[in-house]
């Protein structure tokens, strides 16, 4: 799982002109000034031990933009059991001098064949922490391809809130279940955030031949200062705080029900 704090900007994050002046109000200008759109990642520490037949990995990574001194620090505790289940616990420490973040979580890459998508959370359409009243809580089925929303200016899309679990599967029935410990946000898409960030028109991008699985503490809300006040404080990912994210990654065999595996 790779630490990520960037999302492809939406229209309400600010005009995507890339020539912002100090003091510009939109969130995008603050993120670009902090260099969050061009992050550097570094591995600080990695240890592995075998305890009672389980592999315990302890990992510390850093992510920074314009200044290394303002790096987001991620501490991962990963436990691998004999059946291949990976239990992941992440602790993110965000420096106070950073602006509020676009998102905070991790990204995983899955093979092209993992196209079928099911989840228990809000749906059936995308939802965000400040735009979810019309997305009812339940179990839903779709495809990764159908999570894409062709906004006129390519941007963030397909987020799911209040997730208990999310599963992607290949045609042969094999799959991967992300089983949250608590509730999280997440999405499965074929579009890379970097590609969406650079694109100006829908014809400028094409789906990737991989599935990008995002598991997030939260994304910033989508209400913004492009027309009116900025996103409300309670819907931001504030700096100067620590956050936790925990889940299990479970291999699914043909015929196994993702919801039942989640409840085990």
C-alpha atoms as a PDB file:
ATOM      1  CA  UNK A   1       0.000   0.000   0.000  1.00  0.00           C
ATOM      2  CA  UNK A   2       1.460   3.334  -1.117  1.00  0.00           C
ATOM      3  CA  UNK A   3       0.867   6.511   0.891  1.00  0.00           C
ATOM      4  CA  UNK A   4      -1.015   9.167  -1.071  1.00  0.00           C
ATOM      5  CA  UNK A   5      -2.242  12.650  -0.196  1.00  0.00           C
ATOM      6  CA  UNK A   6      -3.197  13.946  -3.675  1.00  0.00           C
ATOM      7  CA  UNK A   7      -6.407  13.756  -5.628  1.00  0.00           C
ATOM      8  CA  UNK A   8      -7.030  14.969  -9.151  1.00  0.00           C
ATOM      9  CA  UNK A   9      -8.368  18.512  -8.595  1.00  0.00           C
ATOM     10  CA  UNK A  10     -12.071  19.146  -8.993  1.00  0.00           C
ATOM     11  CA  UNK A  11     -13.488  22.408 -10.330  1.00  0.00           C
ATOM     12  CA  UNK A  12     -14.332  23.600  -6.828  1.00  0.00           C
ATOM     13  CA  UNK A  13     -10.717  23.127  -5.675  1.00  0.00           C
ATOM     14  CA  UNK A  14      -9.678  26.032  -7.922  1.00  0.00           C
ATOM     15  CA  UNK A  15      -9.024  26.950 -11.538  1.00  0.00           C
ATOM     16  CA  UNK A  16      -6.352  24.621 -12.922  1.00  0.00           C
ATOM     17  CA  UNK A  17      -4.029  27.304 -14.294  1.00  0.00           C
ATOM     18  CA  UNK A  18      -0.787  26.427 -12.449  1.00  0.00           C
ATOM     19  CA  UNK A  19       0.289  30.079 -12.104  1.00  0.00           C
ATOM     20  CA  UNK A  20      -1.183  30.889  -8.718  1.00  0.00           C
ATOM     21  CA  UNK A  21       0.028  33.902  -6.765  1.00  0.00           C
ATOM     22  CA  UNK A  22       0.753  33.825  -3.015  1.00  0.00           C
ATOM     23  CA  UNK A  23      -2.413  34.503  -1.114  1.00  0.00           C
ATOM     24  CA  UNK A  24      -4.782  33.020  -3.697  1.00  0.00           C
ATOM     25  CA  UNK A  25      -7.750  31.563  -1.844  1.00  0.00           C
ATOM     26  CA  UNK A  26      -8.656  28.298  -3.625  1.00  0.00           C
ATOM     27  CA  UNK A  27      -7.406  25.091  -2.075  1.00  0.00           C
ATOM     28  CA  UNK A  28      -5.603  24.066  -5.263  1.00  0.00           C
ATOM     29  CA  UNK A  29      -3.281  27.062  -5.074  1.00  0.00           C
ATOM     30  CA  UNK A  30      -2.297  26.113  -1.519  1.00  0.00           C
ATOM     31  CA  UNK A  31      -1.682  22.490  -2.505  1.00  0.00           C
ATOM     32  CA  UNK A  32       0.459  23.459  -5.504  1.00  0.00           C
ATOM     33  CA  UNK A  33       2.458  25.938  -3.428  1.00  0.00           C
ATOM     34  CA  UNK A  34       3.138  23.117  -0.933  1.00  0.00           C
ATOM     35  CA  UNK A  35       4.179  20.815  -3.801  1.00  0.00           C
ATOM     36  CA  UNK A  36       1.601  18.150  -2.971  1.00  0.00           C
ATOM     37  CA  UNK A  37       0.963  17.537  -6.681  1.00  0.00           C
ATOM     38  CA  UNK A  38       4.574  16.423  -7.196  1.00  0.00           C
ATOM     39  CA  UNK A  39       5.397  14.395  -4.076  1.00  0.00           C
ATOM     40  CA  UNK A  40       8.603  12.629  -3.189  1.00  0.00           C
ATOM     41  CA  UNK A  41       8.465   9.397  -1.206  1.00  0.00           C
ATOM     42  CA  UNK A  42      11.207   7.809   0.872  1.00  0.00           C
ATOM     43  CA  UNK A  43      11.445   4.639   2.923  1.00  0.00           C
ATOM     44  CA  UNK A  44      12.868   5.361   6.378  1.00  0.00           C
ATOM     45  CA  UNK A  45      12.688   1.949   7.990  1.00  0.00           C
ATOM     46  CA  UNK A  46      11.605  -1.619   7.277  1.00  0.00           C
ATOM     47  CA  UNK A  47      11.800  -4.535   9.696  1.00  0.00           C
ATOM     48  CA  UNK A  48      10.342  -8.039   9.480  1.00  0.00           C
ATOM     49  CA  UNK A  49       9.906 -10.711  12.145  1.00  0.00           C
ATOM     50  CA  UNK A  50       8.280 -14.129  12.268  1.00  0.00           C
ATOM     51  CA  UNK A  51       6.054 -14.420  15.345  1.00  0.00           C
ATOM     52  CA  UNK A  52       3.810 -17.443  15.969  1.00  0.00           C
ATOM     53  CA  UNK A  53       3.734 -18.325  12.285  1.00  0.00           C
ATOM     54  CA  UNK A  54       2.883 -14.787  11.163  1.00  0.00           C
ATOM     55  CA  UNK A  55       5.111 -12.283   9.423  1.00  0.00           C
ATOM     56  CA  UNK A  56       5.118  -8.879  11.129  1.00  0.00           C
ATOM     57  CA  UNK A  57       6.339  -5.946   9.043  1.00  0.00           C
ATOM     58  CA  UNK A  58       6.982  -2.490  10.506  1.00  0.00           C
ATOM     59  CA  UNK A  59       7.455   0.222   7.888  1.00  0.00           C
ATOM     60  CA  UNK A  60       8.028   3.964   8.122  1.00  0.00           C
ATOM     61  CA  UNK A  61       7.728   6.117   4.997  1.00  0.00           C
ATOM     62  CA  UNK A  62       7.720   9.852   4.339  1.00  0.00           C
ATOM     63  CA  UNK A  63       5.981  11.907   1.673  1.00  0.00           C
ATOM     64  CA  UNK A  64       6.758  15.555   1.019  1.00  0.00           C
ATOM     65  CA  UNK A  65       6.230  18.206  -1.600  1.00  0.00           C
ATOM     66  CA  UNK A  66       8.169  21.482  -1.658  1.00  0.00           C
ATOM     67  CA  UNK A  67       9.967  20.953   1.670  1.00  0.00           C
ATOM     68  CA  UNK A  68      11.274  17.710   3.101  1.00  0.00           C
ATOM     69  CA  UNK A  69      11.005  19.195   6.585  1.00  0.00           C
ATOM     70  CA  UNK A  70       7.216  19.224   6.095  1.00  0.00           C
ATOM     71  CA  UNK A  71       6.921  15.520   5.280  1.00  0.00           C
ATOM     72  CA  UNK A  72       3.872  13.445   6.120  1.00  0.00           C
ATOM     73  CA  UNK A  73       5.107  10.481   8.166  1.00  0.00           C
ATOM     74  CA  UNK A  74       3.405   7.119   7.791  1.00  0.00           C
ATOM     75  CA  UNK A  75       3.945   4.239  10.204  1.00  0.00           C
ATOM     76  CA  UNK A  76       2.636   0.897   8.923  1.00  0.00           C
ATOM     77  CA  UNK A  77       2.156  -2.293  10.900  1.00  0.00           C
ATOM     78  CA  UNK A  78       1.500  -5.164   8.505  1.00  0.00           C
ATOM     79  CA  UNK A  79       0.755  -8.745   9.542  1.00  0.00           C
ATOM     80  CA  UNK A  80       0.703 -11.582   7.003  1.00  0.00           C
ATOM     81  CA  UNK A  81      -0.981 -14.843   8.025  1.00  0.00           C
ATOM     82  CA  UNK A  82      -0.576 -18.276   6.476  1.00  0.00           C
ATOM     83  CA  UNK A  83      -3.644 -17.965   4.263  1.00  0.00           C
ATOM     84  CA  UNK A  84      -2.252 -14.797   2.686  1.00  0.00           C
ATOM     85  CA  UNK A  85      -4.471 -12.328   4.570  1.00  0.00           C
ATOM     86  CA  UNK A  86      -2.722  -9.000   5.125  1.00  0.00           C
ATOM     87  CA  UNK A  87      -3.853  -6.942   8.128  1.00  0.00           C
ATOM     88  CA  UNK A  88      -2.796  -3.319   7.717  1.00  0.00           C
ATOM     89  CA  UNK A  89      -2.708  -0.566  10.328  1.00  0.00           C
ATOM     90  CA  UNK A  90      -1.483   2.870   9.238  1.00  0.00           C
ATOM     91  CA  UNK A  91      -0.767   5.934  11.358  1.00  0.00           C
ATOM     92  CA  UNK A  92      -0.306   9.199   9.464  1.00  0.00           C
ATOM     93  CA  UNK A  93       1.246  12.269  11.100  1.00  0.00           C
ATOM     94  CA  UNK A  94       0.591  15.493   9.163  1.00  0.00           C
ATOM     95  CA  UNK A  95       2.769  18.555   9.931  1.00  0.00           C
ATOM     96  CA  UNK A  96       0.950  21.659  11.111  1.00  0.00           C
ATOM     97  CA  UNK A  97       2.623  23.889   8.503  1.00  0.00           C
ATOM     98  CA  UNK A  98       1.009  22.032   5.592  1.00  0.00           C
ATOM     99  CA  UNK A  99      -2.357  23.193   4.241  1.00  0.00           C
ATOM    100  CA  UNK A 100      -5.330  20.910   4.687  1.00  0.00           C
ATOM    101  CA  UNK A 101      -4.910  17.917   2.388  1.00  0.00           C
ATOM    102  CA  UNK A 102      -6.786  16.804  -0.744  1.00  0.00           C
ATOM    103  CA  UNK A 103      -6.980  13.247   0.645  1.00  0.00           C
ATOM    104  CA  UNK A 104      -5.133  10.937   2.987  1.00  0.00           C
ATOM    105  CA  UNK A 105      -4.821   7.204   2.504  1.00  0.00           C
ATOM    106  CA  UNK A 106      -3.128   4.538   0.417  1.00  0.00           C
ATOM    107  CA  UNK A 107      -3.259   3.276  -3.162  1.00  0.00           C
ATOM    108  CA  UNK A 108      -2.865  -0.296  -4.393  1.00  0.00           C
ATOM    109  CA  UNK A 109      -2.563  -1.590  -7.951  1.00  0.00           C
ATOM    110  CA  UNK A 110      -4.507  -4.668  -9.093  1.00  0.00           C
ATOM    111  CA  UNK A 111      -4.396  -6.578 -12.421  1.00  0.00           C
ATOM    112  CA  UNK A 112      -6.503  -5.573 -15.388  1.00  0.00           C
ATOM    113  CA  UNK A 113      -8.838  -8.567 -14.996  1.00  0.00           C
ATOM    114  CA  UNK A 114     -10.212  -7.345 -11.642  1.00  0.00           C
ATOM    115  CA  UNK A 115     -13.130  -5.489 -13.194  1.00  0.00           C
ATOM    116  CA  UNK A 116     -16.194  -6.598 -11.199  1.00  0.00           C
ATOM    117  CA  UNK A 117     -16.818  -4.365  -8.177  1.00  0.00           C
ATOM    118  CA  UNK A 118     -18.998  -4.867  -5.099  1.00  0.00           C
ATOM    119  CA  UNK A 119     -19.103  -2.887  -1.869  1.00  0.00           C
ATOM    120  CA  UNK A 120     -21.048  -2.209   1.303  1.00  0.00           C
ATOM    121  CA  UNK A 121     -21.232   1.513   1.874  1.00  0.00           C
ATOM    122  CA  UNK A 122     -23.020   4.433   0.292  1.00  0.00           C
ATOM    123  CA  UNK A 123     -24.121   4.170  -3.322  1.00  0.00           C
ATOM    124  CA  UNK A 124     -24.962   3.436  -6.035  1.00  0.00           C
ATOM    125  CA  UNK A 125     -23.227   6.595  -7.296  1.00  0.00           C
ATOM    126  CA  UNK A 126     -20.166   8.466  -6.030  1.00  0.00           C
ATOM    127  CA  UNK A 127     -20.332  10.278  -2.708  1.00  0.00           C
ATOM    128  CA  UNK A 128     -18.131  12.571  -0.622  1.00  0.00           C
ATOM    129  CA  UNK A 129     -18.123  13.562   3.036  1.00  0.00           C
ATOM    130  CA  UNK A 130     -20.148  16.724   2.303  1.00  0.00           C
ATOM    131  CA  UNK A 131     -22.182  15.265  -0.586  1.00  0.00           C
ATOM    132  CA  UNK A 132     -23.654  11.944   0.465  1.00  0.00           C
ATOM    133  CA  UNK A 133     -27.221  12.531   1.668  1.00  0.00           C
ATOM    134  CA  UNK A 134     -28.538  11.164  -1.631  1.00  0.00           C
ATOM    135  CA  UNK A 135     -26.357   8.043  -1.514  1.00  0.00           C
ATOM    136  CA  UNK A 136     -28.038   5.402   0.619  1.00  0.00           C
ATOM    137  CA  UNK A 137     -26.167   2.879   2.736  1.00  0.00           C
ATOM    138  CA  UNK A 138     -26.342  -0.631   1.298  1.00  0.00           C
ATOM    139  CA  UNK A 139     -24.693  -3.380  -0.723  1.00  0.00           C
ATOM    140  CA  UNK A 140     -23.993  -2.533  -4.357  1.00  0.00           C
ATOM    141  CA  UNK A 141     -22.556  -4.173  -7.467  1.00  0.00           C
ATOM    142  CA  UNK A 142     -21.035  -2.443 -10.482  1.00  0.00           C
ATOM    143  CA  UNK A 143     -17.810  -2.457 -12.498  1.00  0.00           C
ATOM    144  CA  UNK A 144     -14.568  -0.558 -12.096  1.00  0.00           C
ATOM    145  CA  UNK A 145     -15.025   0.950 -15.564  1.00  0.00           C
ATOM    146  CA  UNK A 146     -18.445   2.335 -14.640  1.00  0.00           C
ATOM    147  CA  UNK A 147     -17.014   4.268 -11.684  1.00  0.00           C
ATOM    148  CA  UNK A 148     -15.568   6.818 -14.090  1.00  0.00           C
ATOM    149  CA  UNK A 149     -17.576  10.037 -14.404  1.00  0.00           C
ATOM    150  CA  UNK A 150     -16.760  11.916 -17.659  1.00  0.00           C
ATOM    151  CA  UNK A 151     -16.729  15.439 -16.259  1.00  0.00           C
ATOM    152  CA  UNK A 152     -16.050  18.034 -18.970  1.00  0.00           C
ATOM    153  CA  UNK A 153     -12.739  18.809 -17.260  1.00  0.00           C
ATOM    154  CA  UNK A 154     -11.281  15.444 -16.182  1.00  0.00           C
ATOM    155  CA  UNK A 155     -11.078  15.332 -12.397  1.00  0.00           C
ATOM    156  CA  UNK A 156     -11.573  13.280  -9.239  1.00  0.00           C
ATOM    157  CA  UNK A 157     -14.505  10.866  -9.451  1.00  0.00           C
ATOM    158  CA  UNK A 158     -16.002   7.685  -8.062  1.00  0.00           C
ATOM    159  CA  UNK A 159     -15.346   8.093  -4.339  1.00  0.00           C
ATOM    160  CA  UNK A 160     -17.398   5.933  -1.952  1.00  0.00           C
ATOM    161  CA  UNK A 161     -18.088   6.914   1.659  1.00  0.00           C
ATOM    162  CA  UNK A 162     -18.928   4.970   4.823  1.00  0.00           C
ATOM    163  CA  UNK A 163     -17.357   1.830   3.388  1.00  0.00           C
ATOM    164  CA  UNK A 164     -17.385  -1.373   5.423  1.00  0.00           C
ATOM    165  CA  UNK A 165     -15.827  -3.377   2.598  1.00  0.00           C
ATOM    166  CA  UNK A 166     -15.022  -3.261  -1.102  1.00  0.00           C
ATOM    167  CA  UNK A 167     -14.150  -6.179  -3.393  1.00  0.00           C
ATOM    168  CA  UNK A 168     -12.826  -6.462  -6.946  1.00  0.00           C
ATOM    169  CA  UNK A 169     -12.981  -9.713  -8.923  1.00  0.00           C
ATOM    170  CA  UNK A 170     -11.777 -11.288 -12.157  1.00  0.00           C
ATOM    171  CA  UNK A 171     -14.076 -13.215 -14.541  1.00  0.00           C
ATOM    172  CA  UNK A 172     -12.836 -16.528 -13.094  1.00  0.00           C
ATOM    173  CA  UNK A 173     -14.213 -15.541  -9.671  1.00  0.00           C
ATOM    174  CA  UNK A 174     -10.879 -14.837  -7.984  1.00  0.00           C
ATOM    175  CA  UNK A 175     -10.812 -11.541  -6.176  1.00  0.00           C
ATOM    176  CA  UNK A 176      -9.463  -9.209  -3.529  1.00  0.00           C
ATOM    177  CA  UNK A 177     -11.467  -7.973  -0.553  1.00  0.00           C
ATOM    178  CA  UNK A 178     -10.588  -4.809   1.335  1.00  0.00           C
ATOM    179  CA  UNK A 179     -12.312  -5.291   4.692  1.00  0.00           C
ATOM    180  CA  UNK A 180     -12.305  -2.113   6.763  1.00  0.00           C
ATOM    181  CA  UNK A 181     -11.780  -2.096  10.496  1.00  0.00           C
ATOM    182  CA  UNK A 182     -14.345   0.591  11.233  1.00  0.00           C
ATOM    183  CA  UNK A 183     -15.482   2.685   8.261  1.00  0.00           C
ATOM    184  CA  UNK A 184     -13.327   4.244   5.558  1.00  0.00           C
ATOM    185  CA  UNK A 185     -13.603   5.943   2.180  1.00  0.00           C
ATOM    186  CA  UNK A 186     -12.333   4.412  -1.044  1.00  0.00           C
ATOM    187  CA  UNK A 187     -12.689   3.877  -4.748  1.00  0.00           C
ATOM    188  CA  UNK A 188     -11.660   1.628  -7.625  1.00  0.00           C
ATOM    189  CA  UNK A 189     -10.814   3.300 -10.922  1.00  0.00           C
ATOM    190  CA  UNK A 190      -8.849   2.820 -14.121  1.00  0.00           C
ATOM    191  CA  UNK A 191      -7.630   6.417 -14.174  1.00  0.00           C
ATOM    192  CA  UNK A 192      -4.434   7.649 -12.539  1.00  0.00           C
ATOM    193  CA  UNK A 193      -4.619  10.859 -10.535  1.00  0.00           C
ATOM    194  CA  UNK A 194      -1.530  12.201 -12.318  1.00  0.00           C
ATOM    195  CA  UNK A 195      -3.170  11.716 -15.727  1.00  0.00           C
ATOM    196  CA  UNK A 196      -6.409  13.340 -14.613  1.00  0.00           C
ATOM    197  CA  UNK A 197      -4.498  16.265 -13.101  1.00  0.00           C
ATOM    198  CA  UNK A 198      -2.745  17.024 -16.391  1.00  0.00           C
ATOM    199  CA  UNK A 199      -5.742  16.537 -18.695  1.00  0.00           C
ATOM    200  CA  UNK A 200      -7.853  19.403 -20.048  1.00  0.00           C
ATOM    201  CA  UNK A 201     -10.397  17.398 -22.046  1.00  0.00           C
ATOM    202  CA  UNK A 202     -11.893  13.915 -21.888  1.00  0.00           C
ATOM    203  CA  UNK A 203     -10.028  13.031 -25.087  1.00  0.00           C
ATOM    204  CA  UNK A 204      -6.728  13.686 -23.291  1.00  0.00           C
ATOM    205  CA  UNK A 205      -6.989  10.595 -21.102  1.00  0.00           C
ATOM    206  CA  UNK A 206      -7.495   6.873 -21.525  1.00  0.00           C
ATOM    207  CA  UNK A 207      -8.229   4.119 -19.000  1.00  0.00           C
ATOM    208  CA  UNK A 208      -5.243   2.342 -17.544  1.00  0.00           C
ATOM    209  CA  UNK A 209      -4.778  -1.392 -18.020  1.00  0.00           C
ATOM    210  CA  UNK A 210      -4.618  -1.718 -14.250  1.00  0.00           C
ATOM    211  CA  UNK A 211      -7.063  -1.129 -11.443  1.00  0.00           C
ATOM    212  CA  UNK A 212      -6.199   1.614  -8.966  1.00  0.00           C
ATOM    213  CA  UNK A 213      -7.661   0.797  -5.574  1.00  0.00           C
ATOM    214  CA  UNK A 214      -7.768   3.680  -3.084  1.00  0.00           C
ATOM    215  CA  UNK A 215      -8.413   3.192   0.625  1.00  0.00           C
ATOM    216  CA  UNK A 216      -8.628   6.512   2.422  1.00  0.00           C
ATOM    217  CA  UNK A 217      -9.081   7.975   5.855  1.00  0.00           C
ATOM    218  CA  UNK A 218     -10.970  10.673   3.996  1.00  0.00           C
ATOM    219  CA  UNK A 219     -11.077  12.886   0.948  1.00  0.00           C
ATOM    220  CA  UNK A 220     -11.643  16.606   1.312  1.00  0.00           C
ATOM    221  CA  UNK A 221     -15.235  17.615   0.722  1.00  0.00           C
ATOM    222  CA  UNK A 222     -16.222  18.855  -2.718  1.00  0.00           C
ATOM    223  CA  UNK A 223     -17.910  22.120  -1.715  1.00  0.00           C
ATOM    224  CA  UNK A 224     -15.446  24.883  -2.561  1.00  0.00           C
ATOM    225  CA  UNK A 225     -14.524  28.488  -3.083  1.00  0.00           C
ATOM    226  CA  UNK A 226     -14.857  28.577  -6.869  1.00  0.00           C
ATOM    227  CA  UNK A 227     -18.275  30.113  -6.218  1.00  0.00           C
ATOM    228  CA  UNK A 228     -18.961  30.953  -2.594  1.00  0.00           C
ATOM    229  CA  UNK A 229     -17.210  30.044   0.675  1.00  0.00           C
ATOM    230  CA  UNK A 230     -14.515  27.407   0.975  1.00  0.00           C
ATOM    231  CA  UNK A 231     -15.221  23.821   2.069  1.00  0.00           C
ATOM    232  CA  UNK A 232     -16.433  23.779   5.656  1.00  0.00           C
ATOM    233  CA  UNK A 233     -13.802  22.984   8.263  1.00  0.00           C
ATOM    234  CA  UNK A 234     -15.499  19.745   9.334  1.00  0.00           C
ATOM    235  CA  UNK A 235     -15.198  18.425   5.780  1.00  0.00           C
ATOM    236  CA  UNK A 236     -11.447  19.024   5.404  1.00  0.00           C
ATOM    237  CA  UNK A 237      -8.430  16.808   6.114  1.00  0.00           C
ATOM    238  CA  UNK A 238      -6.779  19.117   8.633  1.00  0.00           C
ATOM    239  CA  UNK A 239      -3.021  19.403   9.088  1.00  0.00           C
ATOM    240  CA  UNK A 240      -1.309  19.265  12.468  1.00  0.00           C
ATOM    241  CA  UNK A 241      -3.051  16.001  13.359  1.00  0.00           C
ATOM    242  CA  UNK A 242      -2.544  12.250  13.347  1.00  0.00           C
ATOM    243  CA  UNK A 243      -4.900   9.862  11.554  1.00  0.00           C
ATOM    244  CA  UNK A 244      -5.376   6.101  11.558  1.00  0.00           C
ATOM    245  CA  UNK A 245      -6.487   3.703   8.827  1.00  0.00           C
ATOM    246  CA  UNK A 246      -6.983  -0.047   9.355  1.00  0.00           C
ATOM    247  CA  UNK A 247      -8.234  -2.850   7.121  1.00  0.00           C
ATOM    248  CA  UNK A 248      -7.616  -6.418   5.977  1.00  0.00           C
ATOM    249  CA  UNK A 249      -6.738  -7.500   2.445  1.00  0.00           C
ATOM    250  CA  UNK A 250      -8.235 -10.960   1.847  1.00  0.00           C
ATOM    251  CA  UNK A 251      -7.939 -13.188  -1.212  1.00  0.00           C
ATOM    252  CA  UNK A 252     -11.334 -14.332  -2.494  1.00  0.00           C
ATOM    253  CA  UNK A 253     -11.818 -17.695  -4.184  1.00  0.00           C
ATOM    254  CA  UNK A 254     -14.512 -18.433  -6.749  1.00  0.00           C
ATOM    255  CA  UNK A 255     -17.925 -18.617  -5.072  1.00  0.00           C
ATOM    256  CA  UNK A 256     -16.873 -16.946  -1.818  1.00  0.00           C
ATOM    257  CA  UNK A 257     -19.143 -14.130  -0.686  1.00  0.00           C
ATOM    258  CA  UNK A 258     -17.280 -10.917   0.105  1.00  0.00           C
ATOM    259  CA  UNK A 259     -19.751  -9.873   2.798  1.00  0.00           C
ATOM    260  CA  UNK A 260     -19.416 -13.175   4.625  1.00  0.00           C
ATOM    261  CA  UNK A 261     -15.626 -13.006   4.505  1.00  0.00           C
ATOM    262  CA  UNK A 262     -15.772  -9.468   5.891  1.00  0.00           C
ATOM    263  CA  UNK A 263     -17.798 -10.661   8.875  1.00  0.00           C
ATOM    264  CA  UNK A 264     -15.365 -13.463   9.769  1.00  0.00           C
END
